[in-house]
N, C-alpha and C. Protein backbone atom coordinates (compact mmCIF):
# COMPACT_ATOMS: atom_id res chain seq x y z
N UNK A 1 106.27 96.09 53.43
CA UNK A 1 106.15 95.33 54.65
C UNK A 1 105.18 96.06 55.59
N UNK A 2 104.25 95.31 56.15
CA UNK A 2 103.27 95.92 57.05
C UNK A 2 103.87 96.21 58.42
N UNK A 3 103.16 96.98 59.21
CA UNK A 3 103.62 97.30 60.56
C UNK A 3 103.79 96.03 61.39
N UNK A 4 102.83 95.11 61.28
CA UNK A 4 102.93 93.86 62.04
C UNK A 4 104.13 93.04 61.58
N UNK A 5 104.36 92.98 60.29
CA UNK A 5 105.51 92.24 59.77
C UNK A 5 106.82 92.84 60.26
N UNK A 6 106.89 94.16 60.34
CA UNK A 6 108.10 94.82 60.86
C UNK A 6 108.32 94.46 62.32
N UNK A 7 107.26 94.42 63.10
CA UNK A 7 107.38 94.05 64.52
C UNK A 7 107.82 92.60 64.67
N UNK A 8 107.29 91.73 63.83
CA UNK A 8 107.70 90.32 63.86
C UNK A 8 109.18 90.20 63.52
N UNK A 9 109.61 90.93 62.51
CA UNK A 9 111.02 90.92 62.12
C UNK A 9 111.90 91.47 63.25
N UNK A 10 111.45 92.51 63.91
CA UNK A 10 112.18 93.08 65.04
C UNK A 10 112.30 92.05 66.16
N UNK A 11 111.22 91.35 66.44
CA UNK A 11 111.23 90.29 67.44
C UNK A 11 112.29 89.25 67.09
N UNK A 12 112.23 88.73 65.87
CA UNK A 12 113.15 87.68 65.43
C UNK A 12 114.61 88.14 65.47
N UNK A 13 114.87 89.32 64.97
CA UNK A 13 116.25 89.82 64.94
C UNK A 13 116.82 89.97 66.35
N UNK A 14 116.01 90.42 67.27
CA UNK A 14 116.50 90.63 68.62
C UNK A 14 116.64 89.33 69.41
N UNK A 15 115.80 88.34 69.13
CA UNK A 15 116.01 87.03 69.74
C UNK A 15 117.34 86.46 69.27
N UNK A 16 117.59 86.52 67.96
CA UNK A 16 118.84 86.00 67.41
C UNK A 16 120.04 86.77 67.98
N UNK A 17 119.91 88.08 68.08
CA UNK A 17 121.01 88.89 68.61
C UNK A 17 121.27 88.56 70.07
N UNK A 18 120.21 88.34 70.84
CA UNK A 18 120.40 87.97 72.25
C UNK A 18 121.16 86.65 72.34
N UNK A 19 120.77 85.69 71.55
CA UNK A 19 121.45 84.39 71.56
C UNK A 19 122.93 84.55 71.25
N UNK A 20 123.22 85.35 70.24
CA UNK A 20 124.63 85.57 69.86
C UNK A 20 125.41 86.21 71.00
N UNK A 21 124.83 87.19 71.66
CA UNK A 21 125.52 87.85 72.78
C UNK A 21 125.75 86.88 73.94
N UNK A 22 124.75 86.08 74.25
CA UNK A 22 124.90 85.11 75.33
C UNK A 22 125.98 84.09 74.97
N UNK A 23 125.98 83.65 73.73
CA UNK A 23 126.98 82.69 73.26
C UNK A 23 128.39 83.26 73.41
N UNK A 24 128.52 84.55 73.23
CA UNK A 24 129.82 85.20 73.35
C UNK A 24 130.10 85.71 74.77
N UNK A 25 129.25 85.35 75.71
CA UNK A 25 129.51 85.67 77.11
C UNK A 25 129.06 87.03 77.58
N UNK A 26 128.21 87.70 76.82
CA UNK A 26 127.77 89.03 77.22
C UNK A 26 126.28 89.03 77.54
N UNK A 27 125.96 88.65 78.76
CA UNK A 27 124.56 88.63 79.19
C UNK A 27 123.97 90.03 79.21
N UNK A 28 124.75 91.02 79.58
CA UNK A 28 124.24 92.40 79.65
C UNK A 28 123.80 92.89 78.27
N UNK A 29 124.61 92.64 77.26
CA UNK A 29 124.22 93.03 75.90
C UNK A 29 123.03 92.20 75.45
N UNK A 30 123.00 90.93 75.82
CA UNK A 30 121.87 90.07 75.49
C UNK A 30 120.59 90.59 76.09
N UNK A 31 120.65 91.10 77.31
CA UNK A 31 119.47 91.63 77.98
C UNK A 31 118.90 92.84 77.25
N UNK A 32 119.75 93.63 76.64
CA UNK A 32 119.26 94.77 75.85
C UNK A 32 118.40 94.29 74.68
N UNK A 33 118.84 93.21 74.05
CA UNK A 33 118.06 92.65 72.95
C UNK A 33 116.76 92.04 73.45
N UNK A 34 116.81 91.43 74.64
CA UNK A 34 115.58 90.87 75.23
C UNK A 34 114.56 91.97 75.45
N UNK A 35 114.98 93.09 75.95
CA UNK A 35 114.05 94.21 76.15
C UNK A 35 113.42 94.63 74.83
N UNK A 36 114.20 94.57 73.76
CA UNK A 36 113.67 94.97 72.45
C UNK A 36 112.66 93.97 71.91
N UNK A 37 112.91 92.66 72.06
CA UNK A 37 111.91 91.73 71.54
C UNK A 37 110.68 91.68 72.42
N UNK A 38 110.84 91.93 73.70
CA UNK A 38 109.66 92.03 74.57
C UNK A 38 108.83 93.25 74.19
N UNK A 39 109.50 94.36 73.89
CA UNK A 39 108.79 95.56 73.45
C UNK A 39 108.05 95.31 72.13
N UNK A 40 108.69 94.58 71.22
CA UNK A 40 108.04 94.25 69.94
C UNK A 40 106.81 93.38 70.20
N UNK A 41 106.93 92.43 71.11
CA UNK A 41 105.78 91.58 71.45
C UNK A 41 104.65 92.41 72.04
N UNK A 42 104.99 93.33 72.94
CA UNK A 42 103.97 94.19 73.54
C UNK A 42 103.24 95.00 72.48
N UNK A 43 103.98 95.49 71.49
CA UNK A 43 103.36 96.26 70.41
C UNK A 43 102.47 95.37 69.56
N UNK A 44 102.90 94.12 69.33
CA UNK A 44 102.05 93.18 68.60
C UNK A 44 100.77 92.91 69.38
N UNK A 45 100.89 92.73 70.68
CA UNK A 45 99.71 92.46 71.52
C UNK A 45 98.74 93.64 71.54
N UNK A 46 99.27 94.83 71.35
CA UNK A 46 98.40 96.01 71.29
C UNK A 46 97.42 95.92 70.12
N UNK A 47 97.73 95.08 69.13
CA UNK A 47 96.86 94.84 67.98
C UNK A 47 95.91 93.67 68.23
N UNK A 48 95.93 93.12 69.43
CA UNK A 48 95.05 92.01 69.78
C UNK A 48 95.48 90.71 69.12
N UNK A 49 94.52 89.85 68.88
CA UNK A 49 94.82 88.55 68.29
C UNK A 49 95.52 88.63 66.94
N UNK A 50 95.17 89.60 66.06
CA UNK A 50 95.92 89.69 64.80
C UNK A 50 97.42 89.92 65.02
N UNK A 51 97.78 90.67 66.04
CA UNK A 51 99.19 90.88 66.35
C UNK A 51 99.86 89.61 66.82
N UNK A 52 99.18 88.88 67.69
CA UNK A 52 99.73 87.60 68.16
C UNK A 52 99.82 86.61 67.00
N UNK A 53 98.78 86.56 66.18
CA UNK A 53 98.78 85.65 65.04
C UNK A 53 99.94 85.95 64.09
N UNK A 54 100.28 87.21 63.95
CA UNK A 54 101.39 87.59 63.06
C UNK A 54 102.70 86.95 63.53
N UNK A 55 102.88 86.84 64.84
CA UNK A 55 104.11 86.27 65.39
C UNK A 55 104.22 84.77 65.11
N UNK A 56 103.10 84.12 64.90
CA UNK A 56 103.10 82.67 64.69
C UNK A 56 103.86 82.25 63.43
N UNK A 57 104.09 83.17 62.50
CA UNK A 57 104.89 82.81 61.32
C UNK A 57 106.29 82.37 61.72
N UNK A 58 106.72 82.78 62.90
CA UNK A 58 108.07 82.42 63.36
C UNK A 58 108.16 80.97 63.82
N UNK A 59 107.05 80.26 63.90
CA UNK A 59 107.08 78.84 64.27
C UNK A 59 107.88 78.02 63.26
N UNK A 60 108.07 78.55 62.06
CA UNK A 60 108.84 77.84 61.03
C UNK A 60 110.12 78.59 60.66
N UNK A 61 110.55 79.51 61.51
CA UNK A 61 111.78 80.27 61.26
C UNK A 61 112.96 79.30 61.19
N UNK A 62 113.97 79.61 60.37
CA UNK A 62 115.12 78.71 60.27
C UNK A 62 115.92 78.57 61.57
N UNK A 63 115.88 79.57 62.43
CA UNK A 63 116.64 79.52 63.69
C UNK A 63 115.77 78.93 64.80
N UNK A 64 116.30 77.92 65.47
CA UNK A 64 115.55 77.29 66.54
C UNK A 64 115.27 78.26 67.69
N UNK A 65 116.23 79.12 68.02
CA UNK A 65 116.02 80.05 69.13
C UNK A 65 114.83 80.98 68.87
N UNK A 66 114.67 81.39 67.63
CA UNK A 66 113.56 82.26 67.26
C UNK A 66 112.24 81.48 67.33
N UNK A 67 112.24 80.26 66.83
CA UNK A 67 111.03 79.42 66.91
C UNK A 67 110.62 79.20 68.36
N UNK A 68 111.59 78.88 69.21
CA UNK A 68 111.31 78.59 70.62
C UNK A 68 110.77 79.83 71.32
N UNK A 69 111.37 80.97 71.09
CA UNK A 69 110.91 82.17 71.78
C UNK A 69 109.51 82.57 71.33
N UNK A 70 109.25 82.49 70.04
CA UNK A 70 107.90 82.80 69.55
C UNK A 70 106.89 81.84 70.17
N UNK A 71 107.23 80.56 70.22
CA UNK A 71 106.33 79.57 70.81
C UNK A 71 106.12 79.85 72.30
N UNK A 72 107.17 80.22 72.98
CA UNK A 72 107.05 80.52 74.41
C UNK A 72 106.08 81.67 74.65
N UNK A 73 106.17 82.69 73.83
CA UNK A 73 105.28 83.85 73.99
C UNK A 73 103.86 83.57 73.53
N UNK A 74 103.67 82.57 72.68
CA UNK A 74 102.34 82.31 72.13
C UNK A 74 101.64 81.08 72.74
N UNK A 75 102.16 80.56 73.83
CA UNK A 75 101.58 79.35 74.42
C UNK A 75 100.10 79.51 74.78
N UNK A 76 99.71 80.62 75.34
CA UNK A 76 98.31 80.79 75.72
C UNK A 76 97.43 80.97 74.49
N UNK A 77 97.93 81.70 73.52
CA UNK A 77 97.13 82.05 72.34
C UNK A 77 97.04 80.93 71.31
N UNK A 78 98.13 80.24 71.07
CA UNK A 78 98.20 79.18 70.05
C UNK A 78 98.78 77.92 70.70
N UNK A 79 98.11 77.43 71.71
CA UNK A 79 98.64 76.38 72.58
C UNK A 79 99.15 75.15 71.84
N UNK A 80 98.33 74.52 71.04
CA UNK A 80 98.72 73.27 70.39
C UNK A 80 99.93 73.46 69.48
N UNK A 81 99.90 74.50 68.67
CA UNK A 81 101.02 74.76 67.75
C UNK A 81 102.29 75.10 68.51
N UNK A 82 102.17 75.95 69.52
CA UNK A 82 103.33 76.37 70.30
C UNK A 82 103.94 75.19 71.05
N UNK A 83 103.10 74.36 71.65
CA UNK A 83 103.61 73.18 72.35
C UNK A 83 104.35 72.25 71.40
N UNK A 84 103.83 72.09 70.20
CA UNK A 84 104.49 71.22 69.22
C UNK A 84 105.89 71.75 68.88
N UNK A 85 106.01 73.05 68.70
CA UNK A 85 107.32 73.66 68.42
C UNK A 85 108.26 73.43 69.59
N UNK A 86 107.77 73.67 70.80
CA UNK A 86 108.61 73.51 71.99
C UNK A 86 109.00 72.06 72.22
N UNK A 87 108.07 71.14 72.03
CA UNK A 87 108.36 69.72 72.22
C UNK A 87 109.40 69.23 71.23
N UNK A 88 109.32 69.70 69.99
CA UNK A 88 110.32 69.31 68.99
C UNK A 88 111.69 69.87 69.38
N UNK A 89 111.74 71.13 69.75
CA UNK A 89 113.01 71.77 70.12
C UNK A 89 113.61 71.13 71.37
N UNK A 90 112.78 70.72 72.29
CA UNK A 90 113.25 70.13 73.55
C UNK A 90 114.00 68.82 73.34
N UNK A 91 113.83 68.20 72.19
CA UNK A 91 114.51 66.95 71.89
C UNK A 91 115.97 67.14 71.49
N UNK A 92 116.38 68.37 71.27
CA UNK A 92 117.74 68.66 70.82
C UNK A 92 118.62 69.03 72.01
N UNK A 93 119.81 69.52 71.69
CA UNK A 93 120.75 69.98 72.70
C UNK A 93 120.97 71.47 72.55
N UNK A 94 121.47 72.07 73.61
CA UNK A 94 121.85 73.47 73.53
C UNK A 94 120.89 74.38 74.27
N UNK A 95 121.18 75.66 74.18
CA UNK A 95 120.43 76.68 74.91
C UNK A 95 118.96 76.73 74.51
N UNK A 96 118.66 76.62 73.23
CA UNK A 96 117.27 76.66 72.78
C UNK A 96 116.49 75.45 73.29
N UNK A 97 117.12 74.29 73.30
CA UNK A 97 116.46 73.09 73.81
C UNK A 97 116.18 73.24 75.30
N UNK A 98 117.14 73.75 76.03
CA UNK A 98 116.95 73.97 77.46
C UNK A 98 115.83 74.98 77.71
N UNK A 99 115.79 76.02 76.91
CA UNK A 99 114.73 77.02 77.03
C UNK A 99 113.36 76.40 76.75
N UNK A 100 113.30 75.56 75.73
CA UNK A 100 112.04 74.88 75.39
C UNK A 100 111.60 73.97 76.52
N UNK A 101 112.54 73.21 77.08
CA UNK A 101 112.23 72.31 78.18
C UNK A 101 111.70 73.07 79.39
N UNK A 102 112.35 74.17 79.72
CA UNK A 102 111.94 74.96 80.88
C UNK A 102 110.58 75.62 80.65
N UNK A 103 110.35 76.09 79.44
CA UNK A 103 109.06 76.70 79.12
C UNK A 103 107.93 75.68 79.26
N UNK A 104 108.15 74.48 78.74
CA UNK A 104 107.14 73.43 78.86
C UNK A 104 106.89 73.07 80.32
N UNK A 105 107.96 72.99 81.09
CA UNK A 105 107.84 72.69 82.53
C UNK A 105 107.00 73.77 83.22
N UNK A 106 107.31 75.04 82.94
CA UNK A 106 106.57 76.15 83.55
C UNK A 106 105.10 76.14 83.12
N UNK A 107 104.84 75.78 81.86
CA UNK A 107 103.47 75.70 81.36
C UNK A 107 102.70 74.62 82.12
N UNK A 108 103.34 73.46 82.26
CA UNK A 108 102.68 72.33 82.92
C UNK A 108 102.42 72.59 84.41
N UNK A 109 103.35 73.28 85.08
CA UNK A 109 103.16 73.50 86.52
C UNK A 109 102.43 74.80 86.84
N UNK A 110 102.00 75.52 85.80
CA UNK A 110 101.17 76.70 86.00
C UNK A 110 101.92 77.98 86.33
N UNK A 111 103.23 78.00 86.14
CA UNK A 111 103.99 79.22 86.44
C UNK A 111 104.33 80.04 85.20
N UNK A 112 103.97 79.57 84.01
CA UNK A 112 104.21 80.32 82.78
C UNK A 112 103.35 81.58 82.80
N UNK A 113 103.95 82.73 82.45
CA UNK A 113 103.18 83.97 82.50
C UNK A 113 103.70 85.02 81.52
N UNK A 114 104.04 84.63 80.30
CA UNK A 114 104.57 85.59 79.34
C UNK A 114 103.49 86.45 78.69
N UNK A 115 102.32 85.89 78.53
CA UNK A 115 101.24 86.62 77.87
C UNK A 115 99.93 86.29 78.59
N UNK A 116 99.66 86.95 79.71
CA UNK A 116 98.50 86.60 80.52
C UNK A 116 97.15 86.88 79.85
N UNK A 117 97.18 87.60 78.74
CA UNK A 117 95.94 87.80 78.01
C UNK A 117 95.25 89.01 78.30
């Protein structure tokens, strides 16, 4: 497994772990996982576009929360693909759908700022 693949896996695992913690009522533990996936994203970005492109494999991840988070972070870099993932997820119910809806809203009103470039 390459360094980029390990970072992508770290991102995915921590998004899933955060969701599980939030589902079980532990926002504090969830926040620890958020810090880890943000750190993984920052390390991917340190590799430039190849690092960001590596994260795009998560657009087809089996977990919706992982797909949504990857799309949220890649909106500036892979706009059309990321929007498609978010729009599909927004049609469902639950935390991931709400996250997708809010991300799209922030993108449209110009307040999205996860990866300023």
